[in-house]
Amino acid sequence: MENSDKSLDDAPDEVKLAVDLIMLLEQHNIDPQLALSALAIVKRDLEQRISEQA
């Protein structure tokens, strides 16, 4: 387990965030399909923010 923790420590920030999000969704027993639908909304929102900054 210690090697896994070390690997995550060295992982890129986006991987660390993805792991945190997965853990959060699992801890709250969020239905995977519901999570995907919500993430699609988040993705559109973030893409909109990025395009407004350009």
C-alpha atoms as a PDB file:
ATOM      1  CA  MET A   1       0.000   0.000   0.000  1.00  0.00           C
ATOM      2  CA  GLU A   2       2.868   2.338   0.737  1.00  0.00           C
ATOM      3  CA  ASN A   3       4.050   2.093  -2.893  1.00  0.00           C
ATOM      4  CA  SER A   4       0.556   3.021  -4.091  1.00  0.00           C
ATOM      5  CA  ASP A   5       0.542   6.090  -1.867  1.00  0.00           C
ATOM      6  CA  LYS A   6       3.982   7.094  -3.147  1.00  0.00           C
ATOM      7  CA  SER A   7       2.834   6.645  -6.737  1.00  0.00           C
ATOM      8  CA  LEU A   8      -0.112   8.928  -6.089  1.00  0.00           C
ATOM      9  CA  ASP A   9       2.133  11.490  -4.426  1.00  0.00           C
ATOM     10  CA  ASP A  10       4.186  11.597  -7.624  1.00  0.00           C
ATOM     11  CA  ALA A  11       1.156  11.543  -9.929  1.00  0.00           C
ATOM     12  CA  PRO A  12       0.126  14.581 -11.977  1.00  0.00           C
ATOM     13  CA  ASP A  13      -2.380  16.905 -10.314  1.00  0.00           C
ATOM     14  CA  GLU A  14      -5.197  15.835 -12.644  1.00  0.00           C
ATOM     15  CA  VAL A  15      -4.746  12.198 -11.539  1.00  0.00           C
ATOM     16  CA  LYS A  16      -4.806  13.216  -7.880  1.00  0.00           C
ATOM     17  CA  LEU A  17      -7.994  15.211  -8.465  1.00  0.00           C
ATOM     18  CA  ALA A  18      -9.592  12.323 -10.358  1.00  0.00           C
ATOM     19  CA  VAL A  19      -8.816   9.928  -7.506  1.00  0.00           C
ATOM     20  CA  ASP A  20     -10.262  12.387  -4.982  1.00  0.00           C
ATOM     21  CA  LEU A  21     -13.434  12.787  -7.044  1.00  0.00           C
ATOM     22  CA  ILE A  22     -13.863   9.030  -7.453  1.00  0.00           C
ATOM     23  CA  MET A  23     -13.445   8.520  -3.720  1.00  0.00           C
ATOM     24  CA  LEU A  24     -15.960  11.284  -2.979  1.00  0.00           C
ATOM     25  CA  LEU A  25     -18.532   9.786  -5.330  1.00  0.00           C
ATOM     26  CA  GLU A  26     -18.024   6.294  -3.901  1.00  0.00           C
ATOM     27  CA  GLN A  27     -18.183   7.486  -0.279  1.00  0.00           C
ATOM     28  CA  HIS A  28     -21.538   9.128  -0.989  1.00  0.00           C
ATOM     29  CA  ASN A  29     -22.858   6.135  -2.943  1.00  0.00           C
ATOM     30  CA  ILE A  30     -23.525   8.240  -6.031  1.00  0.00           C
ATOM     31  CA  ASP A  31     -24.936   6.241  -8.924  1.00  0.00           C
ATOM     32  CA  PRO A  32     -22.314   6.085 -11.688  1.00  0.00           C
ATOM     33  CA  GLN A  33     -24.758   7.201 -14.392  1.00  0.00           C
ATOM     34  CA  LEU A  34     -25.861  10.161 -12.277  1.00  0.00           C
ATOM     35  CA  ALA A  35     -22.202  11.055 -11.700  1.00  0.00           C
ATOM     36  CA  LEU A  36     -21.481  10.962 -15.428  1.00  0.00           C
ATOM     37  CA  SER A  37     -24.454  13.198 -16.157  1.00  0.00           C
ATOM     38  CA  ALA A  38     -23.353  15.677 -13.514  1.00  0.00           C
ATOM     39  CA  LEU A  39     -19.767  15.589 -14.764  1.00  0.00           C
ATOM     40  CA  ALA A  40     -20.977  16.398 -18.282  1.00  0.00           C
ATOM     41  CA  ILE A  41     -22.606  19.539 -16.878  1.00  0.00           C
ATOM     42  CA  VAL A  42     -19.437  20.431 -14.991  1.00  0.00           C
ATOM     43  CA  LYS A  43     -17.369  19.858 -18.143  1.00  0.00           C
ATOM     44  CA  ARG A  44     -19.572  22.212 -20.191  1.00  0.00           C
ATOM     45  CA  ASP A  45     -19.414  24.838 -17.462  1.00  0.00           C
ATOM     46  CA  LEU A  46     -15.626  24.685 -17.215  1.00  0.00           C
ATOM     47  CA  GLU A  47     -15.220  24.763 -20.992  1.00  0.00           C
ATOM     48  CA  GLN A  48     -17.423  27.868 -21.088  1.00  0.00           C
ATOM     49  CA  ARG A  49     -15.281  29.531 -18.427  1.00  0.00           C
ATOM     50  CA  ILE A  50     -12.113  28.711 -20.338  1.00  0.00           C
ATOM     51  CA  SER A  51     -13.506  30.100 -23.598  1.00  0.00           C
ATOM     52  CA  GLU A  52     -14.539  33.321 -21.839  1.00  0.00           C
ATOM     53  CA  GLN A  53     -10.983  33.765 -20.532  1.00  0.00           C
ATOM     54  CA  ALA A  54      -9.452  33.454 -24.009  1.00  0.00           C
END
